[in-house]
């Protein structure tokens, strides 16, 4: 990094960060300035460190390659299963396969409430007289894997689907504690109802039919 031309370093930072990163030139200058100050090693140590870093980088690239192969295998296997979960924009083969696999036959659930309970997307009562605490924790007694897939999928769906985006924003603004976490879990609960409807009726997703 210390010896890389500044323009090249800035270009690489811009490609990796995309629109999320502002002023890649300034970032490149800062990183290069820190690189010149850091990691002062004796020549013999430098070679060993370089070798170690190259080995670690090769391991990372190998793992990334294996993940891509695994993603392709998941997508291929999911294509053989009748399901419409991945018709929802934001749910790809990996999360779709996880949701379908953890739910299993949808016929074993009488309602979307039953699926939500199975996933642990329900809240423990925390009441005292007429007081009902807004900061109520999840039960977390259900299927942790399904809960993870639903919450992660909801986080992706909400940035792509206007219906879910509007729902998330309403819940975020209405929360008094942990607004993002609470709004996201409530969005996952809404997504659970939509997924249940799609799987039981074999429909493709249409936001106009699944209003809040």
Protein backbone atom coordinates (compact mmCIF):
# COMPACT_ATOMS: atom_id res chain seq x y z
CA UNK A 1 0.00 0.00 0.00
CA UNK A 2 2.86 2.36 0.76
CA UNK A 3 4.42 1.87 -2.66
CA UNK A 4 1.23 1.71 -4.76
CA UNK A 5 0.72 4.83 -6.92
CA UNK A 6 -1.83 7.10 -5.25
CA UNK A 7 -4.11 7.20 -8.30
CA UNK A 8 -4.16 3.39 -8.51
CA UNK A 9 -4.94 3.07 -4.81
CA UNK A 10 -7.77 5.62 -5.06
CA UNK A 11 -9.23 3.77 -8.06
CA UNK A 12 -9.20 0.45 -6.21
CA UNK A 13 -10.88 2.03 -3.18
CA UNK A 14 -13.57 3.56 -5.42
CA UNK A 15 -14.26 0.20 -7.10
CA UNK A 16 -14.54 -1.66 -3.79
CA UNK A 17 -16.54 0.97 -1.94
CA UNK A 18 -18.82 2.00 -4.78
CA UNK A 19 -21.25 4.83 -4.15
CA UNK A 20 -21.11 4.24 -0.39
CA UNK A 21 -17.62 5.74 -0.12
CA UNK A 22 -17.07 9.44 -0.63
CA UNK A 23 -13.76 11.10 -1.59
CA UNK A 24 -11.68 7.99 -2.41
CA UNK A 25 -8.69 10.24 -3.15
CA UNK A 26 -8.67 11.53 0.42
CA UNK A 27 -9.02 8.00 1.78
CA UNK A 28 -6.14 6.81 -0.38
CA UNK A 29 -3.90 9.63 0.85
CA UNK A 30 -4.74 8.86 4.48
CA UNK A 31 -4.13 5.13 4.06
CA UNK A 32 -0.83 5.68 2.28
CA UNK A 33 0.33 8.13 4.94
CA UNK A 34 -0.48 5.59 7.65
CA UNK A 35 1.17 2.80 5.66
CA UNK A 36 4.42 4.77 5.51
CA UNK A 37 4.37 5.19 9.30
CA UNK A 38 3.26 1.70 10.24
CA UNK A 39 4.82 -1.77 10.24
CA UNK A 40 8.46 -0.76 10.44
CA UNK A 41 10.26 -4.09 10.19
CA UNK A 42 13.81 -5.30 9.76
CA UNK A 43 14.45 -6.54 6.19
CA UNK A 44 14.49 -10.20 7.28
CA UNK A 45 11.19 -9.80 9.14
CA UNK A 46 9.61 -8.00 6.20
CA UNK A 47 10.04 -10.99 3.90
CA UNK A 48 8.46 -13.37 6.41
CA UNK A 49 5.56 -10.99 7.01
CA UNK A 50 5.02 -10.58 3.29
CA UNK A 51 4.94 -14.35 2.83
CA UNK A 52 2.41 -14.69 5.68
CA UNK A 53 0.15 -12.00 4.24
CA UNK A 54 0.23 -13.59 0.79
CA UNK A 55 -0.72 -16.96 2.30
CA UNK A 56 -3.61 -15.40 4.19
CA UNK A 57 -4.81 -13.61 1.07
CA UNK A 58 -4.68 -16.85 -0.91
CA UNK A 59 -6.76 -18.52 1.82
CA UNK A 60 -9.34 -15.74 1.65
CA UNK A 61 -9.60 -16.05 -2.13
CA UNK A 62 -9.96 -19.83 -1.85
CA UNK A 63 -12.80 -19.44 0.67
CA UNK A 64 -14.50 -16.87 -1.55
CA UNK A 65 -14.25 -19.27 -4.50
CA UNK A 66 -15.73 -22.09 -2.42
CA UNK A 67 -18.57 -19.81 -1.30
CA UNK A 68 -19.39 -18.97 -4.92
CA UNK A 69 -19.46 -22.67 -5.79
CA UNK A 70 -21.69 -23.38 -2.79
CA UNK A 71 -24.05 -20.54 -3.76
CA UNK A 72 -24.37 -22.05 -7.25
CA UNK A 73 -25.12 -25.48 -5.78
CA UNK A 74 -27.78 -24.00 -3.48
CA UNK A 75 -29.40 -22.15 -6.39
CA UNK A 76 -29.39 -25.32 -8.50
CA UNK A 77 -31.01 -27.41 -5.75
CA UNK A 78 -33.56 -24.71 -4.93
CA UNK A 79 -34.63 -24.52 -8.58
CA UNK A 80 -35.89 -28.11 -8.28
CA UNK A 81 -38.22 -27.23 -5.38
CA UNK A 82 -41.64 -25.66 -6.08
CA UNK A 83 -41.57 -22.35 -4.20
CA UNK A 84 -42.25 -18.67 -4.83
CA UNK A 85 -40.26 -17.14 -1.96
CA UNK A 86 -37.51 -15.92 -4.29
CA UNK A 87 -40.13 -14.01 -6.30
CA UNK A 88 -39.84 -11.37 -3.57
CA UNK A 89 -37.23 -8.84 -4.65
CA UNK A 90 -34.35 -9.03 -2.21
CA UNK A 91 -34.60 -12.74 -1.40
CA UNK A 92 -32.04 -14.65 -3.41
CA UNK A 93 -31.35 -18.38 -3.63
CA UNK A 94 -29.31 -18.58 -0.41
CA UNK A 95 -31.85 -16.93 1.91
CA UNK A 96 -34.72 -18.44 -0.05
CA UNK A 97 -33.28 -21.93 0.37
CA UNK A 98 -32.69 -21.33 4.08
CA UNK A 99 -36.27 -20.15 4.64
CA UNK A 100 -37.82 -23.00 2.63
CA UNK A 101 -35.61 -25.62 4.29
CA UNK A 102 -36.28 -24.43 7.84
CA UNK A 103 -40.04 -24.05 7.34
CA UNK A 104 -40.36 -27.44 5.66
CA UNK A 105 -43.84 -28.46 4.44
CA UNK A 106 -45.99 -25.36 4.83
CA UNK A 107 -49.05 -27.55 5.38
CA UNK A 108 -47.89 -28.30 8.94
CA UNK A 109 -48.58 -24.68 9.93
CA UNK A 110 -52.23 -23.60 10.27
CA UNK A 111 -51.39 -19.90 9.99
CA UNK A 112 -48.61 -17.37 9.57
CA UNK A 113 -48.82 -16.80 13.33
CA UNK A 114 -47.77 -20.41 13.79
CA UNK A 115 -44.77 -19.88 11.49
CA UNK A 116 -43.82 -16.71 13.39
CA UNK A 117 -44.04 -18.56 16.69
CA UNK A 118 -41.95 -21.41 15.28
CA UNK A 119 -39.31 -18.86 14.23
CA UNK A 120 -39.37 -17.08 17.58
CA UNK A 121 -40.73 -13.86 16.09
CA UNK A 122 -43.05 -13.31 19.03
CA UNK A 123 -42.65 -11.17 22.12
CA UNK A 124 -42.76 -12.00 25.79
CA UNK A 125 -45.39 -10.13 27.78
CA UNK A 126 -43.87 -7.44 29.99
CA UNK A 127 -46.82 -5.80 31.67
CA UNK A 128 -47.58 -4.29 35.05
CA UNK A 129 -51.16 -3.14 35.58
CA UNK A 130 -52.07 -0.95 32.66
CA UNK A 131 -48.41 -0.44 31.68
CA UNK A 132 -47.24 -2.28 28.58
CA UNK A 133 -43.50 -1.93 27.99
CA UNK A 134 -42.48 -0.94 24.48
CA UNK A 135 -39.05 -2.47 25.00
CA UNK A 136 -40.19 -6.09 25.09
CA UNK A 137 -37.65 -8.76 24.10
CA UNK A 138 -38.30 -11.54 21.60
CA UNK A 139 -39.13 -14.94 23.00
CA UNK A 140 -36.12 -16.43 21.15
CA UNK A 141 -37.52 -19.88 21.90
CA UNK A 142 -38.13 -20.90 18.30
CA UNK A 143 -36.00 -21.95 15.36
CA UNK A 144 -32.98 -19.64 15.52
CA UNK A 145 -31.93 -20.42 11.95
CA UNK A 146 -35.32 -19.53 10.49
CA UNK A 147 -35.44 -16.37 12.60
CA UNK A 148 -32.00 -15.38 11.26
CA UNK A 149 -32.99 -15.99 7.63
CA UNK A 150 -36.25 -14.06 7.98
CA UNK A 151 -34.64 -11.05 9.67
CA UNK A 152 -31.73 -10.91 7.22
CA UNK A 153 -34.11 -11.31 4.28
CA UNK A 154 -36.35 -8.55 5.65
CA UNK A 155 -33.34 -6.22 5.83
CA UNK A 156 -32.74 -6.75 2.12
CA UNK A 157 -36.37 -6.70 1.03
CA UNK A 158 -37.08 -3.39 2.78
CA UNK A 159 -34.55 -1.52 0.63
CA UNK A 160 -35.99 -2.90 -2.61
CA UNK A 161 -39.74 -3.09 -2.09
CA UNK A 162 -41.69 0.17 -1.53
CA UNK A 163 -44.37 -1.59 0.52
CA UNK A 164 -41.86 -3.01 2.97
CA UNK A 165 -39.84 0.20 2.99
CA UNK A 166 -42.88 2.22 4.02
CA UNK A 167 -43.76 -0.34 6.70
CA UNK A 168 -40.21 -0.30 8.10
CA UNK A 169 -40.13 3.50 8.24
CA UNK A 170 -43.46 3.65 10.12
CA UNK A 171 -42.27 1.15 12.69
CA UNK A 172 -38.89 2.86 12.99
CA UNK A 173 -40.47 6.24 13.68
CA UNK A 174 -42.94 4.75 16.14
CA UNK A 175 -40.34 2.96 18.28
CA UNK A 176 -39.09 4.49 21.51
CA UNK A 177 -36.29 1.95 22.08
CA UNK A 178 -33.86 0.35 19.59
CA UNK A 179 -35.76 1.70 16.54
CA UNK A 180 -33.81 -0.14 13.81
CA UNK A 181 -33.80 -3.48 15.59
CA UNK A 182 -37.47 -3.26 16.52
CA UNK A 183 -38.56 -2.05 13.07
CA UNK A 184 -36.54 -4.76 11.36
CA UNK A 185 -37.99 -7.55 13.49
CA UNK A 186 -41.52 -6.24 12.85
CA UNK A 187 -40.71 -6.12 9.15
CA UNK A 188 -39.54 -9.74 9.37
CA UNK A 189 -42.86 -10.59 11.00
CA UNK A 190 -44.72 -8.96 8.11
CA UNK A 191 -42.49 -10.84 5.66
CA UNK A 192 -43.40 -14.08 7.42
CA UNK A 193 -47.08 -13.47 6.66
CA UNK A 194 -46.33 -12.77 3.00
CA UNK A 195 -44.16 -15.88 2.67
CA UNK A 196 -46.86 -18.00 4.29
CA UNK A 197 -49.42 -16.67 1.81
CA UNK A 198 -47.13 -17.33 -1.16
CA UNK A 199 -46.30 -20.88 -0.11
CA UNK A 200 -49.85 -21.89 0.78
CA UNK A 201 -51.38 -20.45 -2.40
CA UNK A 202 -48.46 -20.95 -4.77
CA UNK A 203 -48.65 -17.31 -5.87
CA UNK A 204 -46.01 -14.94 -7.09
CA UNK A 205 -45.45 -11.90 -4.92
CA UNK A 206 -47.47 -8.77 -5.70
CA UNK A 207 -47.11 -5.91 -3.23
CA UNK A 208 -50.57 -4.61 -4.09
CA UNK A 209 -52.09 -7.83 -2.77
CA UNK A 210 -50.06 -7.88 0.43
CA UNK A 211 -50.66 -4.44 1.88
CA UNK A 212 -49.83 -3.54 5.45
